[in-house]
Structure formats: C-alpha cells, structure tokens
C-alpha cells in the first residue's frame, strides 16, 4: 500500500510499516531514543544525528494551528481543488500537515479541536485527513 494521493516517497520498509499501521487504524510516528524527539510522519534519523529510533502510536486528537486554501494545486492534485491544507498540533505536541475536511473557510478557526481520520484513497493508497473533533 502507498501513502497519499500521489506519492513521491520511496517505498521503504519504514513507509510500508507506516501504511500497514494506517490500514489497521493506527497513526504511528518515530521517536529518537537518544533525545526523545518525536516525528510524525516517521523518520529514520533524528535531527540530533541519531539513527536509534523507535515506533510510537501518535494521538489522533489535537488542535488546528494554521491553514491555507489551495486554489491552484500541482497537476497531480487538480481534481481535488479547491481544498484546505492545515497544520495541527497533536495532543503529544507533534505537528502534522494534512487536508482538513468537513469544514468551510467560514467555519475554520485556529485553535479548534481536530481529529485525524484515516481513509483509503484507492485500493492501493491510504492517507489521513483532519476533521473537526466532536
């Protein structure tokens, strides 16, 4: 399974595990064993230089930090335009970028509670989106 609508990421063991866990309903990130920095999406190397990383399950709830409306997307995303891309801070402090659905520009508010929703894009693609939290 591949991640996203149009993936530019290489198919590595890490991405395979990440997408398999998404398919099982789990949002997984990595954490550096040396400095404890968390990464979402996962990374194989920490900014401190360590490659001693471990998997952790990230929370699916958080708050909206920023957003933008995409009117003129790249060619691979034109069929979805216009759409809203947002940055959220999850409950553990990690930040994540994604589409946000179930909102309009008038209902969006910085600080509003969101949750991560996992969805299959096609038979061989999976992604996550934000939606307002209830």
N, C-alpha and C. Protein backbone atom coordinates (compact mmCIF):
# COMPACT_ATOMS: atom_id res chain seq x y z
N UNK A 1 0.85 -1.18 0.00
CA UNK A 1 0.00 0.00 0.00
C UNK A 1 0.89 1.24 0.00
N UNK A 2 0.47 2.27 -0.72
CA UNK A 2 1.22 3.51 -0.81
C UNK A 2 0.52 4.60 -0.01
N UNK A 3 1.29 5.60 0.41
CA UNK A 3 0.74 6.70 1.19
C UNK A 3 0.40 7.88 0.30
N UNK A 4 -0.77 8.46 0.52
CA UNK A 4 -1.15 9.71 -0.11
C UNK A 4 -1.88 9.56 -1.43
N UNK A 5 -2.22 10.70 -1.99
CA UNK A 5 -2.95 10.76 -3.26
C UNK A 5 -2.01 10.50 -4.43
N UNK A 6 -0.84 11.09 -4.37
CA UNK A 6 0.19 10.92 -5.39
C UNK A 6 1.52 10.90 -4.64
N UNK A 7 2.02 9.74 -4.37
CA UNK A 7 3.19 9.60 -3.51
C UNK A 7 4.49 9.87 -4.23
N UNK A 8 5.30 10.69 -3.60
CA UNK A 8 6.64 10.96 -4.10
C UNK A 8 7.66 10.31 -3.17
N UNK A 9 7.17 9.61 -2.16
CA UNK A 9 8.07 8.99 -1.19
C UNK A 9 8.54 7.64 -1.69
N UNK A 10 9.80 7.30 -1.43
CA UNK A 10 10.28 5.98 -1.83
C UNK A 10 9.59 4.89 -1.00
N UNK A 11 9.44 3.73 -1.59
CA UNK A 11 8.82 2.61 -0.88
C UNK A 11 9.87 1.90 -0.05
N UNK A 12 10.01 2.35 1.18
CA UNK A 12 10.98 1.77 2.11
C UNK A 12 10.26 0.89 3.12
N UNK A 13 11.01 0.14 3.90
CA UNK A 13 10.41 -0.67 4.97
C UNK A 13 9.65 0.22 5.95
N UNK A 14 10.20 1.41 6.23
CA UNK A 14 9.53 2.33 7.16
C UNK A 14 8.17 2.76 6.61
N UNK A 15 8.12 3.13 5.33
CA UNK A 15 6.84 3.56 4.75
C UNK A 15 5.86 2.40 4.67
N UNK A 16 6.36 1.20 4.40
CA UNK A 16 5.46 0.03 4.39
C UNK A 16 4.84 -0.18 5.77
N UNK A 17 5.66 -0.10 6.82
CA UNK A 17 5.12 -0.27 8.18
C UNK A 17 4.13 0.85 8.50
N UNK A 18 4.48 2.08 8.13
CA UNK A 18 3.61 3.23 8.38
C UNK A 18 2.24 3.03 7.73
N UNK A 19 2.23 2.64 6.45
CA UNK A 19 0.95 2.47 5.75
C UNK A 19 0.20 1.24 6.24
N UNK A 20 0.91 0.17 6.60
CA UNK A 20 0.24 -1.01 7.17
C UNK A 20 -0.46 -0.65 8.47
N UNK A 21 0.21 0.12 9.30
CA UNK A 21 -0.39 0.54 10.57
C UNK A 21 -1.59 1.46 10.32
N UNK A 22 -1.49 2.36 9.34
CA UNK A 22 -2.64 3.20 8.99
C UNK A 22 -3.83 2.32 8.59
N UNK A 23 -3.55 1.31 7.77
CA UNK A 23 -4.62 0.40 7.33
C UNK A 23 -5.26 -0.32 8.51
N UNK A 24 -4.52 -0.48 9.59
CA UNK A 24 -5.04 -1.10 10.82
C UNK A 24 -5.59 -0.07 11.81
N UNK A 25 -5.70 1.19 11.36
CA UNK A 25 -6.31 2.22 12.20
C UNK A 25 -5.37 2.90 13.18
N UNK A 26 -4.06 2.68 13.04
CA UNK A 26 -3.09 3.26 13.98
C UNK A 26 -2.23 4.30 13.27
N UNK A 27 -2.10 5.46 13.89
CA UNK A 27 -1.25 6.55 13.41
C UNK A 27 0.09 6.43 14.12
N UNK A 28 1.12 6.03 13.39
CA UNK A 28 2.42 5.75 14.00
C UNK A 28 3.46 6.79 13.60
N UNK A 29 4.31 7.12 14.55
CA UNK A 29 5.43 8.00 14.32
C UNK A 29 6.68 7.35 14.86
N UNK A 30 7.79 8.07 14.79
CA UNK A 30 9.03 7.56 15.37
C UNK A 30 9.52 8.54 16.42
N UNK A 31 10.28 7.97 17.38
CA UNK A 31 10.84 8.77 18.47
C UNK A 31 12.30 8.41 18.62
N UNK A 32 13.13 9.42 18.76
CA UNK A 32 14.57 9.22 18.95
C UNK A 32 14.81 8.69 20.36
N UNK A 33 15.53 7.59 20.46
CA UNK A 33 15.84 7.02 21.78
C UNK A 33 16.86 7.87 22.53
N UNK A 34 17.65 8.67 21.78
CA UNK A 34 18.70 9.48 22.40
C UNK A 34 18.15 10.77 23.01
N UNK A 35 17.41 11.56 22.20
CA UNK A 35 16.94 12.87 22.68
C UNK A 35 15.43 12.95 22.90
N UNK A 36 14.71 11.87 22.55
CA UNK A 36 13.25 11.75 22.76
C UNK A 36 12.40 12.60 21.82
N UNK A 37 13.00 13.20 20.77
CA UNK A 37 12.22 13.97 19.81
C UNK A 37 11.31 13.03 19.02
N UNK A 38 10.05 13.45 18.85
CA UNK A 38 9.07 12.65 18.11
C UNK A 38 8.89 13.20 16.71
N UNK A 39 8.66 12.28 15.77
CA UNK A 39 8.45 12.66 14.37
C UNK A 39 7.18 12.04 13.84
N UNK A 40 6.41 12.89 13.20
CA UNK A 40 5.16 12.47 12.58
C UNK A 40 5.02 13.25 11.28
N UNK A 41 5.08 12.65 10.11
CA UNK A 41 5.28 11.24 9.81
C UNK A 41 6.66 10.77 10.28
N UNK A 42 6.87 9.46 10.28
CA UNK A 42 8.11 8.90 10.83
C UNK A 42 9.35 9.25 10.01
N UNK A 43 10.48 9.25 10.70
CA UNK A 43 11.78 9.48 10.08
C UNK A 43 12.76 8.42 10.56
N UNK A 44 13.78 8.15 9.74
CA UNK A 44 14.77 7.15 10.14
C UNK A 44 15.95 7.76 10.88
N UNK A 45 16.07 9.09 10.83
CA UNK A 45 17.17 9.76 11.51
C UNK A 45 16.67 11.01 12.20
N UNK A 46 17.15 11.24 13.40
CA UNK A 46 16.77 12.41 14.19
C UNK A 46 17.64 13.61 13.81
N UNK A 47 17.14 14.78 14.10
CA UNK A 47 17.92 15.99 13.84
C UNK A 47 19.18 16.06 14.71
N UNK A 48 19.21 15.27 15.81
CA UNK A 48 20.42 15.22 16.64
C UNK A 48 21.50 14.33 16.02
N UNK A 49 21.14 13.64 14.93
CA UNK A 49 22.09 12.78 14.24
C UNK A 49 21.92 11.30 14.54
N UNK A 50 21.16 10.98 15.56
CA UNK A 50 20.97 9.58 15.94
C UNK A 50 20.07 8.85 14.94
N UNK A 51 20.38 7.59 14.71
CA UNK A 51 19.51 6.72 13.91
C UNK A 51 18.86 5.67 14.79
N UNK A 52 18.98 5.82 16.10
CA UNK A 52 18.37 4.89 17.05
C UNK A 52 16.95 5.35 17.34
N UNK A 53 16.03 4.95 16.44
CA UNK A 53 14.64 5.40 16.51
C UNK A 53 13.74 4.24 16.90
N UNK A 54 12.62 4.57 17.54
CA UNK A 54 11.62 3.56 17.88
C UNK A 54 10.24 4.05 17.45
N UNK A 55 9.33 3.12 17.20
CA UNK A 55 7.96 3.45 16.81
C UNK A 55 7.16 3.82 18.05
N UNK A 56 6.19 4.72 17.88
CA UNK A 56 5.21 5.02 18.93
C UNK A 56 3.89 5.33 18.26
N UNK A 57 2.80 5.07 18.98
CA UNK A 57 1.48 5.40 18.45
C UNK A 57 1.14 6.83 18.81
N UNK A 58 0.90 7.63 17.79
CA UNK A 58 0.59 9.05 17.98
C UNK A 58 -0.89 9.23 18.31
N UNK A 59 -1.21 10.25 19.08
CA UNK A 59 -2.62 10.54 19.35
C UNK A 59 -3.31 11.01 18.08
N UNK A 60 -4.61 10.82 18.02
CA UNK A 60 -5.37 11.24 16.85
C UNK A 60 -6.16 12.53 17.09
N UNK A 61 -5.98 13.13 18.24
CA UNK A 61 -6.68 14.39 18.54
C UNK A 61 -5.67 15.50 18.74
N UNK A 62 -6.13 16.72 18.43
CA UNK A 62 -5.26 17.87 18.57
C UNK A 62 -6.02 19.15 18.31
N UNK A 63 -5.27 20.18 17.92
CA UNK A 63 -5.90 21.47 17.64
C UNK A 63 -5.29 22.07 16.37
N UNK A 64 -6.09 22.84 15.68
CA UNK A 64 -5.68 23.48 14.43
C UNK A 64 -4.75 24.65 14.73
N UNK A 65 -3.59 24.67 14.07
CA UNK A 65 -2.63 25.76 14.25
C UNK A 65 -2.67 26.76 13.11
N UNK A 66 -2.79 26.26 11.88
CA UNK A 66 -2.78 27.14 10.71
C UNK A 66 -3.41 26.40 9.53
N UNK A 67 -3.83 27.15 8.53
CA UNK A 67 -4.41 26.53 7.34
C UNK A 67 -4.26 27.45 6.14
N UNK A 68 -4.41 26.87 4.96
CA UNK A 68 -4.44 27.65 3.73
C UNK A 68 -5.36 26.96 2.74
N UNK A 69 -5.97 27.73 1.89
CA UNK A 69 -6.85 27.19 0.86
C UNK A 69 -6.06 27.10 -0.44
N UNK A 70 -6.01 25.91 -0.99
CA UNK A 70 -5.27 25.66 -2.23
C UNK A 70 -6.23 25.81 -3.41
N UNK A 71 -6.01 26.85 -4.17
CA UNK A 71 -6.84 27.11 -5.35
C UNK A 71 -6.17 26.61 -6.63
N UNK A 72 -4.85 26.67 -6.67
CA UNK A 72 -4.08 26.30 -7.85
C UNK A 72 -3.05 25.23 -7.48
N UNK A 73 -3.49 23.98 -7.42
CA UNK A 73 -2.61 22.90 -6.96
C UNK A 73 -1.70 22.38 -8.06
N UNK A 74 -0.75 21.52 -7.67
CA UNK A 74 0.03 20.85 -8.70
C UNK A 74 -0.88 19.94 -9.54
N UNK A 75 -0.41 19.57 -10.69
CA UNK A 75 -1.22 18.78 -11.63
C UNK A 75 -1.81 17.52 -11.00
N UNK A 76 -1.03 16.84 -10.17
CA UNK A 76 -1.49 15.59 -9.56
C UNK A 76 -2.65 15.78 -8.59
N UNK A 77 -2.91 17.01 -8.16
CA UNK A 77 -3.98 17.27 -7.18
C UNK A 77 -5.10 18.15 -7.74
N UNK A 78 -5.07 18.45 -9.03
CA UNK A 78 -6.05 19.38 -9.60
C UNK A 78 -7.49 18.93 -9.43
N UNK A 79 -7.73 17.64 -9.47
CA UNK A 79 -9.12 17.17 -9.36
C UNK A 79 -9.70 17.39 -7.97
N UNK A 80 -8.87 17.70 -6.98
CA UNK A 80 -9.36 17.92 -5.61
C UNK A 80 -9.56 19.40 -5.29
N UNK A 81 -9.11 20.29 -6.16
CA UNK A 81 -9.14 21.73 -5.87
C UNK A 81 -10.56 22.28 -5.97
N UNK A 82 -10.86 23.32 -5.21
CA UNK A 82 -10.02 23.85 -4.14
C UNK A 82 -10.12 22.96 -2.90
N UNK A 83 -9.05 22.94 -2.14
CA UNK A 83 -9.03 22.16 -0.89
C UNK A 83 -8.24 22.92 0.16
N UNK A 84 -8.40 22.49 1.39
CA UNK A 84 -7.78 23.19 2.51
C UNK A 84 -6.71 22.28 3.11
N UNK A 85 -5.52 22.83 3.28
CA UNK A 85 -4.41 22.13 3.93
C UNK A 85 -4.17 22.80 5.27
N UNK A 86 -3.95 22.00 6.29
CA UNK A 86 -3.81 22.54 7.64
C UNK A 86 -2.63 21.93 8.37
N UNK A 87 -2.17 22.66 9.36
CA UNK A 87 -1.18 22.15 10.31
C UNK A 87 -1.89 22.05 11.65
N UNK A 88 -1.75 20.90 12.29
CA UNK A 88 -2.35 20.70 13.60
C UNK A 88 -1.27 20.27 14.58
N UNK A 89 -1.51 20.60 15.83
CA UNK A 89 -0.65 20.11 16.91
C UNK A 89 -1.42 19.00 17.60
N UNK A 90 -0.85 17.81 17.61
CA UNK A 90 -1.49 16.68 18.27
C UNK A 90 -1.31 16.78 19.77
N UNK A 91 -2.05 15.98 20.51
CA UNK A 91 -2.03 16.07 21.97
C UNK A 91 -0.65 15.85 22.58
N UNK A 92 0.24 15.17 21.87
CA UNK A 92 1.58 14.95 22.41
C UNK A 92 2.57 16.03 21.98
N UNK A 93 2.09 17.07 21.29
CA UNK A 93 2.95 18.18 20.89
C UNK A 93 3.52 18.07 19.49
N UNK A 94 3.42 16.91 18.84
CA UNK A 94 3.91 16.80 17.48
C UNK A 94 2.99 17.57 16.55
N UNK A 95 3.56 18.02 15.45
CA UNK A 95 2.78 18.77 14.45
C UNK A 95 2.68 17.96 13.19
N UNK A 96 1.53 18.07 12.54
CA UNK A 96 1.24 17.25 11.38
C UNK A 96 0.54 18.11 10.33
N UNK A 97 0.86 17.88 9.07
CA UNK A 97 0.26 18.59 7.94
C UNK A 97 -0.69 17.64 7.22
N UNK A 98 -1.87 18.13 6.86
CA UNK A 98 -2.83 17.28 6.16
C UNK A 98 -3.95 18.13 5.56
N UNK A 99 -4.77 17.49 4.71
CA UNK A 99 -6.03 18.10 4.29
C UNK A 99 -6.93 18.18 5.51
N UNK A 100 -7.82 19.14 5.51
CA UNK A 100 -8.87 19.17 6.53
C UNK A 100 -10.20 19.15 5.78
N UNK A 101 -11.10 18.28 6.22
CA UNK A 101 -12.40 18.09 5.58
C UNK A 101 -13.51 18.36 6.60
N UNK A 102 -14.74 18.52 6.08
CA UNK A 102 -15.87 18.75 6.96
C UNK A 102 -15.95 20.17 7.48
N UNK A 103 -15.26 21.08 6.80
CA UNK A 103 -15.25 22.49 7.21
C UNK A 103 -15.40 23.36 5.97
N UNK A 104 -15.69 24.61 6.21
CA UNK A 104 -15.67 25.62 5.16
C UNK A 104 -14.73 26.73 5.64
N UNK A 105 -14.30 27.60 4.75
CA UNK A 105 -13.45 28.70 5.21
C UNK A 105 -14.08 29.52 6.33
N UNK A 106 -15.41 29.61 6.33
CA UNK A 106 -16.09 30.38 7.38
C UNK A 106 -16.13 29.65 8.72
N UNK A 107 -16.09 28.31 8.72
CA UNK A 107 -16.17 27.57 9.98
C UNK A 107 -14.80 27.24 10.56
N UNK A 108 -13.74 27.46 9.79
CA UNK A 108 -12.38 27.20 10.29
C UNK A 108 -11.97 28.23 11.32
N UNK A 109 -11.37 27.76 12.40
CA UNK A 109 -10.86 28.66 13.42
C UNK A 109 -9.57 28.09 13.98
N UNK A 110 -8.53 28.91 14.00
CA UNK A 110 -7.29 28.49 14.61
C UNK A 110 -7.59 28.14 16.07
N UNK A 111 -7.08 27.00 16.52
CA UNK A 111 -7.33 26.55 17.89
C UNK A 111 -8.47 25.55 18.00
N UNK A 112 -9.27 25.41 16.93
CA UNK A 112 -10.40 24.48 17.00
C UNK A 112 -9.89 23.04 17.16
N UNK A 113 -10.64 22.22 17.90
CA UNK A 113 -10.23 20.82 18.06
C UNK A 113 -10.42 20.04 16.77
N UNK A 114 -9.43 19.19 16.47
CA UNK A 114 -9.49 18.34 15.28
C UNK A 114 -9.18 16.90 15.69
N UNK A 115 -9.50 16.00 14.79
CA UNK A 115 -9.06 14.62 14.96
C UNK A 115 -8.57 14.11 13.62
N UNK A 116 -7.70 13.13 13.69
CA UNK A 116 -7.14 12.52 12.48
C UNK A 116 -8.05 11.38 12.06
N UNK A 117 -8.42 11.39 10.80
CA UNK A 117 -9.27 10.36 10.22
C UNK A 117 -8.47 9.64 9.14
N UNK A 118 -8.42 8.33 9.20
CA UNK A 118 -7.67 7.54 8.22
C UNK A 118 -8.63 7.12 7.12
N UNK A 119 -8.19 7.28 5.87
CA UNK A 119 -9.08 6.92 4.76
C UNK A 119 -8.30 6.32 3.60
N UNK A 120 -8.94 5.35 2.95
CA UNK A 120 -8.35 4.77 1.75
C UNK A 120 -8.69 5.67 0.57
N UNK A 121 -7.67 6.02 -0.21
CA UNK A 121 -7.85 6.85 -1.40
C UNK A 121 -8.27 5.96 -2.56
N UNK A 122 -7.65 4.79 -2.64
CA UNK A 122 -7.96 3.81 -3.66
C UNK A 122 -7.58 2.44 -3.09
N UNK A 123 -7.68 1.43 -3.91
CA UNK A 123 -7.38 0.07 -3.44
C UNK A 123 -5.94 -0.07 -2.93
N UNK A 124 -5.03 0.73 -3.49
CA UNK A 124 -3.62 0.59 -3.11
C UNK A 124 -3.03 1.85 -2.46
N UNK A 125 -3.89 2.81 -2.07
CA UNK A 125 -3.40 4.05 -1.45
C UNK A 125 -4.21 4.39 -0.20
N UNK A 126 -3.49 4.91 0.80
CA UNK A 126 -4.13 5.29 2.06
C UNK A 126 -3.56 6.62 2.51
N UNK A 127 -4.33 7.37 3.24
CA UNK A 127 -3.87 8.65 3.76
C UNK A 127 -4.61 8.96 5.05
N UNK A 128 -4.31 10.11 5.63
CA UNK A 128 -5.06 10.61 6.78
C UNK A 128 -5.50 12.01 6.47
N UNK A 129 -6.57 12.44 7.13
CA UNK A 129 -7.09 13.78 6.97
C UNK A 129 -7.47 14.28 8.36
N UNK A 130 -7.58 15.58 8.49
CA UNK A 130 -8.13 16.16 9.70
C UNK A 130 -9.62 16.40 9.48
N UNK A 131 -10.36 16.34 10.57
CA UNK A 131 -11.75 16.75 10.55
C UNK A 131 -12.06 17.36 11.91
N UNK A 132 -13.09 18.19 11.98
CA UNK A 132 -13.42 18.77 13.29
C UNK A 132 -13.71 17.68 14.30
N UNK A 133 -13.24 17.87 15.50
CA UNK A 133 -13.47 16.89 16.56
C UNK A 133 -14.81 17.15 17.24
N UNK A 134 -15.49 16.07 17.53
CA UNK A 134 -16.80 16.20 18.18
C UNK A 134 -16.72 16.02 19.68
